[in-house]
């Protein structure tokens, strides 16, 4: 871990990363790509020591509230968060100034901040996004070694739903020859239905590989799936988009299951929902409490 002073905290589209780098160890992580110009070891977490001051300054000066998102590059609930609590303090600022929030995580640590998320969601919108890649916890421990297991994340999704926090699942990446099976996709979709998720984002049954993350991914294939790297190289070469041979079949299954169960599955519609700030009226707030 090391500290830096950041020049800014919100992107053009109101996204923020309080940390850079990650210790989750996911074998497919795109954030390892060299195009992001991370000039330190990926597991050496960079902490933006002035992030909270920057955040308060910028949201205090905004003309009107909006949705603020976090988790695009670094999970906001990496283990370090339990010590530093920058994510929790950022949520308190978002609540204080009446903004909405969209979180993206693979950790059940998000439940620690359920009290703040509930309060934000009473006035506007607090959305939790969670990635699910495999229904098999044993496989999860291989491809995502330091995150909450799929079973744990599934339980967290249900708890969030019980607290009226809307949830979105990212069904990606799906790794060819590893988790691109009908059984796996159906099992994840059944979890999403039971957990009452609002939508599922899926860009196709595959993953992306580019300089930096490709080399790391291949090294982990050699460790855990001997011989599979050579199969990838033969099948996909240096392609950026690496799609499962079962992509068409699995995407059809995905869309049909979502339509049947009333789950949003158009990426454009979901992103529009995530970006849309919605201020709840006093009547809506009263209805919320009457429904409890």
C-alpha atoms as a PDB file:
ATOM      1  CA  UNK A   1       0.000   0.000   0.000  1.00  0.00           C
ATOM      2  CA  UNK A   2       1.178   3.515  -0.718  1.00  0.00           C
ATOM      3  CA  UNK A   3      -0.406   6.980  -0.737  1.00  0.00           C
ATOM      4  CA  UNK A   4      -0.541   9.609  -3.477  1.00  0.00           C
ATOM      5  CA  UNK A   5      -2.157  13.011  -3.841  1.00  0.00           C
ATOM      6  CA  UNK A   6      -4.669  12.896  -6.682  1.00  0.00           C
ATOM      7  CA  UNK A   7      -5.431  15.837  -8.953  1.00  0.00           C
ATOM      8  CA  UNK A   8      -9.066  14.854  -9.402  1.00  0.00           C
ATOM      9  CA  UNK A   9     -11.519  12.210  -8.266  1.00  0.00           C
ATOM     10  CA  UNK A  10     -14.581  12.212 -10.579  1.00  0.00           C
ATOM     11  CA  UNK A  11     -14.371  11.280 -14.237  1.00  0.00           C
ATOM     12  CA  UNK A  12     -16.287  13.024 -16.994  1.00  0.00           C
ATOM     13  CA  UNK A  13     -19.153  10.621 -16.349  1.00  0.00           C
ATOM     14  CA  UNK A  14     -19.034  10.923 -12.533  1.00  0.00           C
ATOM     15  CA  UNK A  15     -17.166   7.695 -11.907  1.00  0.00           C
ATOM     16  CA  UNK A  16     -14.565   7.506  -9.146  1.00  0.00           C
ATOM     17  CA  UNK A  17     -11.864   5.140  -7.978  1.00  0.00           C
ATOM     18  CA  UNK A  18     -10.635   5.751  -4.451  1.00  0.00           C
ATOM     19  CA  UNK A  19      -7.941   3.108  -4.906  1.00  0.00           C
ATOM     20  CA  UNK A  20      -5.815   1.812  -7.794  1.00  0.00           C
ATOM     21  CA  UNK A  21      -4.707  -1.788  -7.947  1.00  0.00           C
ATOM     22  CA  UNK A  22      -6.378  -4.814  -6.435  1.00  0.00           C
ATOM     23  CA  UNK A  23      -5.689  -7.873  -4.310  1.00  0.00           C
ATOM     24  CA  UNK A  24      -8.646  -9.995  -5.442  1.00  0.00           C
ATOM     25  CA  UNK A  25      -6.356 -11.972  -7.762  1.00  0.00           C
ATOM     26  CA  UNK A  26      -8.963 -12.628 -10.481  1.00  0.00           C
ATOM     27  CA  UNK A  27      -7.085 -14.388 -13.258  1.00  0.00           C
ATOM     28  CA  UNK A  28      -8.894 -12.503 -16.051  1.00  0.00           C
ATOM     29  CA  UNK A  29      -8.727  -8.926 -14.687  1.00  0.00           C
ATOM     30  CA  UNK A  30      -8.697  -6.308 -17.461  1.00  0.00           C
ATOM     31  CA  UNK A  31      -7.409  -3.659 -15.045  1.00  0.00           C
ATOM     32  CA  UNK A  32      -3.973  -5.279 -15.339  1.00  0.00           C
ATOM     33  CA  UNK A  33      -3.766  -4.126 -18.963  1.00  0.00           C
ATOM     34  CA  UNK A  34      -0.774  -1.912 -19.714  1.00  0.00           C
ATOM     35  CA  UNK A  35      -3.018   0.656 -21.428  1.00  0.00           C
ATOM     36  CA  UNK A  36      -4.067   1.896 -17.979  1.00  0.00           C
ATOM     37  CA  UNK A  37      -0.460   2.955 -17.319  1.00  0.00           C
ATOM     38  CA  UNK A  38      -0.286   1.750 -13.736  1.00  0.00           C
ATOM     39  CA  UNK A  39       3.272   2.531 -12.672  1.00  0.00           C
ATOM     40  CA  UNK A  40       3.326   0.297  -9.602  1.00  0.00           C
ATOM     41  CA  UNK A  41       2.792  -3.376  -8.824  1.00  0.00           C
ATOM     42  CA  UNK A  42      -0.870  -4.253  -9.263  1.00  0.00           C
ATOM     43  CA  UNK A  43      -1.192  -5.678  -5.741  1.00  0.00           C
ATOM     44  CA  UNK A  44       0.507  -2.605  -4.229  1.00  0.00           C
ATOM     45  CA  UNK A  45      -2.674  -0.626  -3.629  1.00  0.00           C
ATOM     46  CA  UNK A  46      -2.467   3.070  -4.426  1.00  0.00           C
ATOM     47  CA  UNK A  47      -4.580   5.095  -2.002  1.00  0.00           C
ATOM     48  CA  UNK A  48      -5.660   8.579  -3.028  1.00  0.00           C
ATOM     49  CA  UNK A  49      -5.119  10.235   0.315  1.00  0.00           C
ATOM     50  CA  UNK A  50      -7.008  13.408  -0.620  1.00  0.00           C
ATOM     51  CA  UNK A  51      -9.879  11.593  -2.356  1.00  0.00           C
ATOM     52  CA  UNK A  52     -12.530  12.523   0.189  1.00  0.00           C
ATOM     53  CA  UNK A  53     -11.597  16.206   0.184  1.00  0.00           C
ATOM     54  CA  UNK A  54     -11.686  16.216  -3.622  1.00  0.00           C
ATOM     55  CA  UNK A  55     -15.028  14.438  -3.670  1.00  0.00           C
ATOM     56  CA  UNK A  56     -16.686  16.818  -1.234  1.00  0.00           C
ATOM     57  CA  UNK A  57     -15.348  19.830  -3.088  1.00  0.00           C
ATOM     58  CA  UNK A  58     -16.587  18.681  -6.488  1.00  0.00           C
ATOM     59  CA  UNK A  59     -20.064  17.490  -5.446  1.00  0.00           C
ATOM     60  CA  UNK A  60     -20.640  20.576  -3.304  1.00  0.00           C
ATOM     61  CA  UNK A  61     -20.063  22.726  -6.406  1.00  0.00           C
ATOM     62  CA  UNK A  62     -22.272  20.714  -8.782  1.00  0.00           C
ATOM     63  CA  UNK A  63     -25.423  22.535  -9.903  1.00  0.00           C
ATOM     64  CA  UNK A  64     -27.622  19.509  -9.380  1.00  0.00           C
ATOM     65  CA  UNK A  65     -27.177  16.027  -7.940  1.00  0.00           C
ATOM     66  CA  UNK A  66     -26.450  13.017 -10.120  1.00  0.00           C
ATOM     67  CA  UNK A  67     -25.461   9.378  -9.857  1.00  0.00           C
ATOM     68  CA  UNK A  68     -21.897   8.702  -8.722  1.00  0.00           C
ATOM     69  CA  UNK A  69     -20.420   5.332  -9.555  1.00  0.00           C
ATOM     70  CA  UNK A  70     -17.452   3.437  -8.186  1.00  0.00           C
ATOM     71  CA  UNK A  71     -15.817   0.085  -8.854  1.00  0.00           C
ATOM     72  CA  UNK A  72     -15.014   0.268 -12.568  1.00  0.00           C
ATOM     73  CA  UNK A  73     -11.254  -0.195 -12.118  1.00  0.00           C
ATOM     74  CA  UNK A  74     -10.803  -1.223  -8.487  1.00  0.00           C
ATOM     75  CA  UNK A  75     -13.321  -2.951  -6.266  1.00  0.00           C
ATOM     76  CA  UNK A  76     -14.361  -0.433  -3.574  1.00  0.00           C
ATOM     77  CA  UNK A  77     -14.431  -3.269  -1.023  1.00  0.00           C
ATOM     78  CA  UNK A  78     -10.919  -4.658  -1.275  1.00  0.00           C
ATOM     79  CA  UNK A  79      -9.665  -5.895   2.144  1.00  0.00           C
ATOM     80  CA  UNK A  80      -7.825  -2.615   2.728  1.00  0.00           C
ATOM     81  CA  UNK A  81     -11.191  -0.839   2.899  1.00  0.00           C
ATOM     82  CA  UNK A  82     -11.943  -2.458   6.272  1.00  0.00           C
ATOM     83  CA  UNK A  83      -8.993  -0.515   7.690  1.00  0.00           C
ATOM     84  CA  UNK A  84      -9.142   2.791   5.780  1.00  0.00           C
ATOM     85  CA  UNK A  85     -12.909   3.072   5.200  1.00  0.00           C
ATOM     86  CA  UNK A  86     -12.611   5.523   2.307  1.00  0.00           C
ATOM     87  CA  UNK A  87     -15.584   3.900   0.573  1.00  0.00           C
ATOM     88  CA  UNK A  88     -17.803   4.256   3.631  1.00  0.00           C
ATOM     89  CA  UNK A  89     -16.736   7.876   4.141  1.00  0.00           C
ATOM     90  CA  UNK A  90     -17.392   8.610   0.452  1.00  0.00           C
ATOM     91  CA  UNK A  91     -20.886   7.145   0.806  1.00  0.00           C
ATOM     92  CA  UNK A  92     -21.531   9.419   3.769  1.00  0.00           C
ATOM     93  CA  UNK A  93     -20.584  12.424   1.613  1.00  0.00           C
ATOM     94  CA  UNK A  94     -22.811  11.218  -1.199  1.00  0.00           C
ATOM     95  CA  UNK A  95     -25.656  10.919   1.290  1.00  0.00           C
ATOM     96  CA  UNK A  96     -24.920  14.307   2.863  1.00  0.00           C
ATOM     97  CA  UNK A  97     -25.207  16.153  -0.455  1.00  0.00           C
ATOM     98  CA  UNK A  98     -28.196  14.212  -1.794  1.00  0.00           C
ATOM     99  CA  UNK A  99     -26.522  12.297  -4.617  1.00  0.00           C
ATOM    100  CA  UNK A 100     -27.267   8.777  -5.837  1.00  0.00           C
ATOM    101  CA  UNK A 101     -24.718   5.983  -5.996  1.00  0.00           C
ATOM    102  CA  UNK A 102     -23.874   2.912  -8.048  1.00  0.00           C
ATOM    103  CA  UNK A 103     -21.457   0.414  -6.488  1.00  0.00           C
ATOM    104  CA  UNK A 104     -19.714  -2.436  -8.332  1.00  0.00           C
ATOM    105  CA  UNK A 105     -18.158  -5.179  -6.225  1.00  0.00           C
ATOM    106  CA  UNK A 106     -17.417  -8.877  -5.810  1.00  0.00           C
ATOM    107  CA  UNK A 107     -17.378  -8.628  -2.031  1.00  0.00           C
ATOM    108  CA  UNK A 108     -20.022  -9.115   0.638  1.00  0.00           C
ATOM    109  CA  UNK A 109     -18.271  -6.306   2.553  1.00  0.00           C
ATOM    110  CA  UNK A 110     -20.777  -4.060   0.813  1.00  0.00           C
ATOM    111  CA  UNK A 111     -23.281  -5.200   3.451  1.00  0.00           C
ATOM    112  CA  UNK A 112     -21.276  -3.309   6.067  1.00  0.00           C
ATOM    113  CA  UNK A 113     -22.601  -0.107   4.503  1.00  0.00           C
ATOM    114  CA  UNK A 114     -26.196  -1.250   4.156  1.00  0.00           C
ATOM    115  CA  UNK A 115     -27.299   1.426   6.626  1.00  0.00           C
ATOM    116  CA  UNK A 116     -26.015   4.239   4.395  1.00  0.00           C
ATOM    117  CA  UNK A 117     -27.241   2.614   1.188  1.00  0.00           C
ATOM    118  CA  UNK A 118     -30.729   2.344   2.678  1.00  0.00           C
ATOM    119  CA  UNK A 119     -30.752   6.024   3.627  1.00  0.00           C
ATOM    120  CA  UNK A 120     -29.558   7.092   0.168  1.00  0.00           C
ATOM    121  CA  UNK A 121     -32.118   4.821  -1.455  1.00  0.00           C
ATOM    122  CA  UNK A 122     -34.946   6.383   0.543  1.00  0.00           C
ATOM    123  CA  UNK A 123     -34.338   9.739  -1.158  1.00  0.00           C
ATOM    124  CA  UNK A 124     -32.924   8.765  -4.514  1.00  0.00           C
ATOM    125  CA  UNK A 125     -31.258   5.599  -5.785  1.00  0.00           C
ATOM    126  CA  UNK A 126     -28.518   3.339  -4.440  1.00  0.00           C
ATOM    127  CA  UNK A 127     -27.699   0.448  -6.744  1.00  0.00           C
ATOM    128  CA  UNK A 128     -25.309  -2.417  -6.071  1.00  0.00           C
ATOM    129  CA  UNK A 129     -23.788  -4.255  -9.010  1.00  0.00           C
ATOM    130  CA  UNK A 130     -22.210  -7.647  -8.409  1.00  0.00           C
ATOM    131  CA  UNK A 131     -20.223  -9.825 -10.791  1.00  0.00           C
ATOM    132  CA  UNK A 132     -21.106 -13.522 -11.078  1.00  0.00           C
ATOM    133  CA  UNK A 133     -19.024 -15.794 -13.314  1.00  0.00           C
ATOM    134  CA  UNK A 134     -19.439 -19.338 -12.030  1.00  0.00           C
ATOM    135  CA  UNK A 135     -21.967 -21.165  -9.898  1.00  0.00           C
ATOM    136  CA  UNK A 136     -19.218 -23.517  -8.706  1.00  0.00           C
ATOM    137  CA  UNK A 137     -17.521 -22.204  -5.546  1.00  0.00           C
ATOM    138  CA  UNK A 138     -14.515 -24.465  -6.121  1.00  0.00           C
ATOM    139  CA  UNK A 139     -13.964 -22.992  -9.580  1.00  0.00           C
ATOM    140  CA  UNK A 140     -14.611 -19.540  -8.149  1.00  0.00           C
ATOM    141  CA  UNK A 141     -11.671 -20.039  -5.754  1.00  0.00           C
ATOM    142  CA  UNK A 142      -9.429 -20.730  -8.752  1.00  0.00           C
ATOM    143  CA  UNK A 143     -10.419 -17.939 -11.117  1.00  0.00           C
ATOM    144  CA  UNK A 144     -11.312 -15.382  -8.393  1.00  0.00           C
ATOM    145  CA  UNK A 145      -9.185 -16.553  -5.459  1.00  0.00           C
ATOM    146  CA  UNK A 146      -9.583 -13.707  -2.975  1.00  0.00           C
ATOM    147  CA  UNK A 147     -13.187 -12.602  -3.420  1.00  0.00           C
ATOM    148  CA  UNK A 148     -16.398 -13.654  -1.722  1.00  0.00           C
ATOM    149  CA  UNK A 149     -17.567 -16.965  -3.136  1.00  0.00           C
ATOM    150  CA  UNK A 150     -20.484 -17.093  -5.525  1.00  0.00           C
ATOM    151  CA  UNK A 151     -22.659 -18.551  -2.767  1.00  0.00           C
ATOM    152  CA  UNK A 152     -21.735 -15.665  -0.475  1.00  0.00           C
ATOM    153  CA  UNK A 153     -22.444 -13.103  -3.184  1.00  0.00           C
ATOM    154  CA  UNK A 154     -25.771 -14.774  -3.926  1.00  0.00           C
ATOM    155  CA  UNK A 155     -26.757 -14.455  -0.258  1.00  0.00           C
ATOM    156  CA  UNK A 156     -25.666 -10.797  -0.310  1.00  0.00           C
ATOM    157  CA  UNK A 157     -27.830 -10.123  -3.373  1.00  0.00           C
ATOM    158  CA  UNK A 158     -30.831 -11.574  -1.558  1.00  0.00           C
ATOM    159  CA  UNK A 159     -30.131  -9.491   1.533  1.00  0.00           C
ATOM    160  CA  UNK A 160     -29.854  -6.338  -0.560  1.00  0.00           C
ATOM    161  CA  UNK A 161     -33.169  -7.167  -2.218  1.00  0.00           C
ATOM    162  CA  UNK A 162     -34.777  -7.699   1.201  1.00  0.00           C
ATOM    163  CA  UNK A 163     -33.648  -4.168   2.056  1.00  0.00           C
ATOM    164  CA  UNK A 164     -35.105  -2.732  -1.182  1.00  0.00           C
ATOM    165  CA  UNK A 165     -31.668  -2.006  -2.661  1.00  0.00           C
ATOM    166  CA  UNK A 166     -31.859  -2.599  -6.435  1.00  0.00           C
ATOM    167  CA  UNK A 167     -29.191  -4.925  -7.800  1.00  0.00           C
ATOM    168  CA  UNK A 168     -27.579  -5.528 -11.169  1.00  0.00           C
ATOM    169  CA  UNK A 169     -25.502  -8.612 -11.991  1.00  0.00           C
ATOM    170  CA  UNK A 170     -22.593  -8.604 -14.438  1.00  0.00           C
ATOM    171  CA  UNK A 171     -22.538 -11.996 -16.146  1.00  0.00           C
ATOM    172  CA  UNK A 172     -18.941 -11.770 -17.270  1.00  0.00           C
ATOM    173  CA  UNK A 173     -16.390 -12.817 -18.087  1.00  0.00           C
ATOM    174  CA  UNK A 174     -17.262 -16.255 -19.335  1.00  0.00           C
ATOM    175  CA  UNK A 175     -14.020 -18.113 -20.031  1.00  0.00           C
ATOM    176  CA  UNK A 176     -13.974 -20.479 -23.014  1.00  0.00           C
ATOM    177  CA  UNK A 177     -13.451 -24.116 -22.033  1.00  0.00           C
ATOM    178  CA  UNK A 178     -13.768 -23.212 -18.327  1.00  0.00           C
ATOM    179  CA  UNK A 179     -17.186 -21.824 -17.399  1.00  0.00           C
ATOM    180  CA  UNK A 180     -18.931 -21.496 -20.790  1.00  0.00           C
ATOM    181  CA  UNK A 181     -21.444 -24.277 -20.203  1.00  0.00           C
ATOM    182  CA  UNK A 182     -25.214 -24.284 -20.350  1.00  0.00           C
ATOM    183  CA  UNK A 183     -25.321 -25.723 -16.833  1.00  0.00           C
ATOM    184  CA  UNK A 184     -23.238 -22.881 -15.419  1.00  0.00           C
ATOM    185  CA  UNK A 185     -25.163 -20.107 -17.163  1.00  0.00           C
ATOM    186  CA  UNK A 186     -28.525 -21.579 -16.147  1.00  0.00           C
ATOM    187  CA  UNK A 187     -27.402 -21.955 -12.528  1.00  0.00           C
ATOM    188  CA  UNK A 188     -26.324 -18.293 -12.386  1.00  0.00           C
ATOM    189  CA  UNK A 189     -29.569 -17.159 -14.012  1.00  0.00           C
ATOM    190  CA  UNK A 190     -31.568 -19.156 -11.454  1.00  0.00           C
ATOM    191  CA  UNK A 191     -29.660 -17.374  -8.683  1.00  0.00           C
ATOM    192  CA  UNK A 192     -30.484 -14.016 -10.271  1.00  0.00           C
ATOM    193  CA  UNK A 193     -34.175 -14.889 -10.453  1.00  0.00           C
ATOM    194  CA  UNK A 194     -34.273 -16.020  -6.821  1.00  0.00           C
ATOM    195  CA  UNK A 195     -32.360 -12.925  -5.695  1.00  0.00           C
ATOM    196  CA  UNK A 196     -34.776 -10.642  -7.554  1.00  0.00           C
ATOM    197  CA  UNK A 197     -32.101  -8.749  -9.491  1.00  0.00           C
ATOM    198  CA  UNK A 198     -33.319  -5.846 -11.598  1.00  0.00           C
ATOM    199  CA  UNK A 199     -31.046  -6.514 -14.543  1.00  0.00           C
ATOM    200  CA  UNK A 200     -28.140  -8.533 -15.902  1.00  0.00           C
ATOM    201  CA  UNK A 201     -25.364  -7.012 -17.984  1.00  0.00           C
ATOM    202  CA  UNK A 202     -23.755  -9.373 -20.483  1.00  0.00           C
ATOM    203  CA  UNK A 203     -21.516  -8.380 -23.391  1.00  0.00           C
ATOM    204  CA  UNK A 204     -21.384 -11.889 -24.806  1.00  0.00           C
ATOM    205  CA  UNK A 205     -20.073 -15.225 -23.609  1.00  0.00           C
ATOM    206  CA  UNK A 206     -16.350 -14.585 -23.573  1.00  0.00           C
ATOM    207  CA  UNK A 207     -13.674 -12.261 -22.251  1.00  0.00           C
ATOM    208  CA  UNK A 208     -11.266  -9.600 -23.437  1.00  0.00           C
ATOM    209  CA  UNK A 209      -7.491 -10.016 -23.510  1.00  0.00           C
ATOM    210  CA  UNK A 210      -4.874  -7.400 -24.241  1.00  0.00           C
ATOM    211  CA  UNK A 211      -1.278  -6.675 -23.327  1.00  0.00           C
ATOM    212  CA  UNK A 212      -0.775  -7.013 -19.597  1.00  0.00           C
ATOM    213  CA  UNK A 213      -3.838  -8.989 -18.641  1.00  0.00           C
ATOM    214  CA  UNK A 214      -3.289 -11.590 -21.416  1.00  0.00           C
ATOM    215  CA  UNK A 215       0.119 -12.568 -20.063  1.00  0.00           C
ATOM    216  CA  UNK A 216      -1.181 -12.818 -16.498  1.00  0.00           C
ATOM    217  CA  UNK A 217      -4.198 -14.850 -17.609  1.00  0.00           C
ATOM    218  CA  UNK A 218      -2.034 -17.271 -19.577  1.00  0.00           C
ATOM    219  CA  UNK A 219       0.334 -17.763 -16.650  1.00  0.00           C
ATOM    220  CA  UNK A 220      -2.641 -18.734 -14.485  1.00  0.00           C
ATOM    221  CA  UNK A 221      -3.932 -21.097 -17.160  1.00  0.00           C
ATOM    222  CA  UNK A 222      -0.554 -22.852 -17.028  1.00  0.00           C
ATOM    223  CA  UNK A 223      -0.886 -23.130 -13.249  1.00  0.00           C
ATOM    224  CA  UNK A 224      -4.479 -24.288 -12.974  1.00  0.00           C
ATOM    225  CA  UNK A 225      -5.439 -25.614 -16.421  1.00  0.00           C
ATOM    226  CA  UNK A 226      -2.317 -27.191 -17.995  1.00  0.00           C
ATOM    227  CA  UNK A 227      -2.423 -27.224 -21.792  1.00  0.00           C
ATOM    228  CA  UNK A 228      -5.282 -24.743 -22.070  1.00  0.00           C
ATOM    229  CA  UNK A 229      -3.035 -21.782 -22.900  1.00  0.00           C
ATOM    230  CA  UNK A 230      -1.894 -23.501 -26.091  1.00  0.00           C
ATOM    231  CA  UNK A 231      -5.517 -24.124 -27.014  1.00  0.00           C
ATOM    232  CA  UNK A 232      -6.302 -20.433 -26.527  1.00  0.00           C
ATOM    233  CA  UNK A 233      -3.344 -19.360 -28.633  1.00  0.00           C
ATOM    234  CA  UNK A 234      -4.312 -21.722 -31.437  1.00  0.00           C
ATOM    235  CA  UNK A 235      -7.986 -20.772 -31.317  1.00  0.00           C
ATOM    236  CA  UNK A 236      -7.812 -17.026 -30.675  1.00  0.00           C
ATOM    237  CA  UNK A 237      -4.269 -15.808 -31.392  1.00  0.00           C
ATOM    238  CA  UNK A 238      -3.923 -12.219 -30.127  1.00  0.00           C
ATOM    239  CA  UNK A 239      -7.593 -11.327 -30.496  1.00  0.00           C
ATOM    240  CA  UNK A 240      -8.940  -8.714 -28.109  1.00  0.00           C
ATOM    241  CA  UNK A 241     -12.389 -10.298 -27.963  1.00  0.00           C
ATOM    242  CA  UNK A 242     -12.221 -13.976 -27.078  1.00  0.00           C
ATOM    243  CA  UNK A 243     -15.669 -15.482 -27.544  1.00  0.00           C
ATOM    244  CA  UNK A 244     -16.875 -18.920 -26.543  1.00  0.00           C
ATOM    245  CA  UNK A 245     -17.664 -21.302 -29.378  1.00  0.00           C
ATOM    246  CA  UNK A 246     -21.062 -21.623 -27.664  1.00  0.00           C
ATOM    247  CA  UNK A 247     -21.688 -17.864 -27.624  1.00  0.00           C
ATOM    248  CA  UNK A 248     -24.794 -17.848 -29.845  1.00  0.00           C
ATOM    249  CA  UNK A 249     -26.469 -20.718 -27.992  1.00  0.00           C
ATOM    250  CA  UNK A 250     -25.693 -19.330 -24.541  1.00  0.00           C
ATOM    251  CA  UNK A 251     -26.758 -15.778 -25.414  1.00  0.00           C
ATOM    252  CA  UNK A 252     -30.092 -17.086 -26.718  1.00  0.00           C
ATOM    253  CA  UNK A 253     -30.583 -18.982 -23.448  1.00  0.00           C
ATOM    254  CA  UNK A 254     -29.637 -15.852 -21.489  1.00  0.00           C
ATOM    255  CA  UNK A 255     -32.074 -13.530 -23.254  1.00  0.00           C
ATOM    256  CA  UNK A 256     -34.926 -16.043 -23.124  1.00  0.00           C
ATOM    257  CA  UNK A 257     -34.486 -16.601 -19.381  1.00  0.00           C
ATOM    258  CA  UNK A 258     -34.400 -12.848 -18.704  1.00  0.00           C
ATOM    259  CA  UNK A 259     -37.521 -12.203 -20.786  1.00  0.00           C
ATOM    260  CA  UNK A 260     -39.363 -15.021 -19.051  1.00  0.00           C
ATOM    261  CA  UNK A 261     -38.529 -13.686 -15.597  1.00  0.00           C
ATOM    262  CA  UNK A 262     -38.897  -9.947 -16.220  1.00  0.00           C
ATOM    263  CA  UNK A 263     -35.196  -9.148 -15.810  1.00  0.00           C
ATOM    264  CA  UNK A 264     -33.684  -6.264 -17.772  1.00  0.00           C
ATOM    265  CA  UNK A 265     -31.132  -7.644 -20.238  1.00  0.00           C
ATOM    266  CA  UNK A 266     -30.574  -4.844 -22.743  1.00  0.00           C
ATOM    267  CA  UNK A 267     -27.233  -3.282 -21.790  1.00  0.00           C
ATOM    268  CA  UNK A 268     -28.231   0.132 -23.090  1.00  0.00           C
ATOM    269  CA  UNK A 269     -31.403   0.191 -20.999  1.00  0.00           C
ATOM    270  CA  UNK A 270     -29.530  -0.922 -17.901  1.00  0.00           C
ATOM    271  CA  UNK A 271     -26.822   1.706 -18.270  1.00  0.00           C
ATOM    272  CA  UNK A 272     -29.481   4.364 -18.826  1.00  0.00           C
ATOM    273  CA  UNK A 273     -31.124   3.256 -15.574  1.00  0.00           C
ATOM    274  CA  UNK A 274     -27.803   3.327 -13.707  1.00  0.00           C
ATOM    275  CA  UNK A 275     -26.974   6.821 -14.953  1.00  0.00           C
ATOM    276  CA  UNK A 276     -30.421   8.299 -14.321  1.00  0.00           C
ATOM    277  CA  UNK A 277     -30.739  10.296 -11.101  1.00  0.00           C
ATOM    278  CA  UNK A 278     -34.180   9.800  -9.589  1.00  0.00           C
ATOM    279  CA  UNK A 279     -35.341  11.958  -6.719  1.00  0.00           C
ATOM    280  CA  UNK A 280     -38.100  10.241  -4.781  1.00  0.00           C
ATOM    281  CA  UNK A 281     -41.116  12.283  -3.771  1.00  0.00           C
ATOM    282  CA  UNK A 282     -42.283  12.462  -0.137  1.00  0.00           C
ATOM    283  CA  UNK A 283     -45.181  10.176  -1.152  1.00  0.00           C
ATOM    284  CA  UNK A 284     -42.754   7.576  -2.496  1.00  0.00           C
ATOM    285  CA  UNK A 285     -40.709   7.798   0.692  1.00  0.00           C
ATOM    286  CA  UNK A 286     -43.846   7.350   2.796  1.00  0.00           C
ATOM    287  CA  UNK A 287     -44.895   4.357   0.691  1.00  0.00           C
ATOM    288  CA  UNK A 288     -41.464   2.856   1.207  1.00  0.00           C
ATOM    289  CA  UNK A 289     -41.825   2.938   4.960  1.00  0.00           C
ATOM    290  CA  UNK A 290     -45.454   1.734   4.904  1.00  0.00           C
ATOM    291  CA  UNK A 291     -44.361  -1.322   2.931  1.00  0.00           C
ATOM    292  CA  UNK A 292     -41.859  -2.391   5.589  1.00  0.00           C
END
